[in-house]
Amino acid sequence: MNKERQQAGAKAGGRCPICKELTAAAYRPFCSARCRDIDLSRWLRGVYAIPGAEQAPGEGAAKRDESDED
């Protein structure tokens, strides 16, 4: 890693949440476009999901069907 990047990351005081390298101003809070894209991919695949109550099979569909009837 080059010295300018180390200094920029040290000033920002942050680490990339993906690889733990120092952050880069252009990609903050990440260190690079690669880590930014990895994070986006995780969001799109549903890796970052808020846990909720388990639903019985068909329970969610029944509620949507009832709301369509109005």
Protein backbone atom coordinates (compact mmCIF):
# COMPACT_ATOMS: atom_id res chain seq x y z
CA MET A 1 0.00 0.00 0.00
CA ASN A 2 1.41 3.43 -0.86
CA LYS A 3 2.25 6.05 1.74
CA GLU A 4 -0.36 8.61 0.54
CA ARG A 5 -3.14 6.05 0.87
CA GLN A 6 -1.97 5.09 4.34
CA GLN A 7 -1.94 8.73 5.43
CA ALA A 8 -5.38 9.40 3.94
CA GLY A 9 -6.83 6.37 5.70
CA ALA A 10 -5.13 7.26 8.95
CA LYS A 11 -6.56 10.78 8.82
CA ALA A 12 -10.04 9.42 8.21
CA GLY A 13 -9.46 6.94 11.02
CA GLY A 14 -11.39 4.21 9.32
CA ARG A 15 -10.93 0.69 8.12
CA CYS A 16 -12.70 -1.02 5.26
CA PRO A 17 -15.52 -3.23 6.59
CA ILE A 18 -14.71 -5.90 3.99
CA CYS A 19 -10.92 -6.34 4.13
CA LYS A 20 -9.90 -4.13 7.10
CA GLU A 21 -7.44 -2.06 5.02
CA LEU A 22 -7.33 1.70 5.50
CA THR A 23 -10.14 3.52 3.71
CA ALA A 24 -9.68 5.61 0.59
CA ALA A 25 -11.48 8.95 0.30
CA ALA A 26 -12.84 8.09 -3.14
CA TYR A 27 -14.49 4.88 -1.89
CA ARG A 28 -15.24 5.69 1.73
CA PRO A 29 -16.12 3.71 3.84
CA PHE A 30 -14.32 1.15 1.67
CA CYS A 31 -10.72 0.98 0.50
CA SER A 32 -11.40 0.26 -3.18
CA ALA A 33 -14.03 -0.27 -5.85
CA ARG A 34 -13.58 -4.02 -5.38
CA CYS A 35 -14.62 -3.94 -1.71
CA ARG A 36 -17.47 -1.54 -2.52
CA ASP A 37 -18.75 -4.00 -5.14
CA ILE A 38 -18.42 -6.97 -2.77
CA ASP A 39 -20.58 -5.11 -0.25
CA LEU A 40 -23.18 -4.24 -2.89
CA SER A 41 -23.30 -7.88 -3.98
CA ARG A 42 -23.92 -8.97 -0.40
CA TRP A 43 -26.83 -6.53 -0.09
CA LEU A 44 -28.36 -7.68 -3.38
CA ARG A 45 -28.10 -11.38 -2.46
CA GLY A 46 -29.76 -10.76 0.92
CA VAL A 47 -26.72 -11.60 3.04
CA TYR A 48 -27.38 -8.47 5.10
CA ALA A 49 -30.90 -9.18 6.31
CA ILE A 50 -32.66 -8.15 9.46
CA PRO A 51 -33.95 -11.27 11.19
CA GLY A 52 -37.68 -11.37 11.71
CA ALA A 53 -40.33 -13.73 12.98
CA GLU A 54 -40.77 -16.95 11.05
CA GLN A 55 -43.95 -17.11 8.97
CA ALA A 56 -45.92 -20.25 8.32
CA PRO A 57 -45.94 -21.31 4.66
CA GLY A 58 -48.59 -19.33 2.78
CA GLU A 59 -49.18 -16.88 5.62
CA GLY A 60 -47.57 -13.94 3.82
CA ALA A 61 -49.38 -14.65 0.54
CA ALA A 62 -52.78 -14.74 2.26
CA LYS A 63 -52.27 -11.29 3.73
CA ARG A 64 -51.30 -9.84 0.35
CA ASP A 65 -54.36 -11.39 -1.33
CA GLU A 66 -56.70 -9.88 1.28
CA SER A 67 -55.25 -6.38 0.75
CA ASP A 68 -55.78 -6.66 -3.03
CA GLU A 69 -59.53 -7.15 -2.58
CA ASP A 70 -60.09 -3.60 -1.21
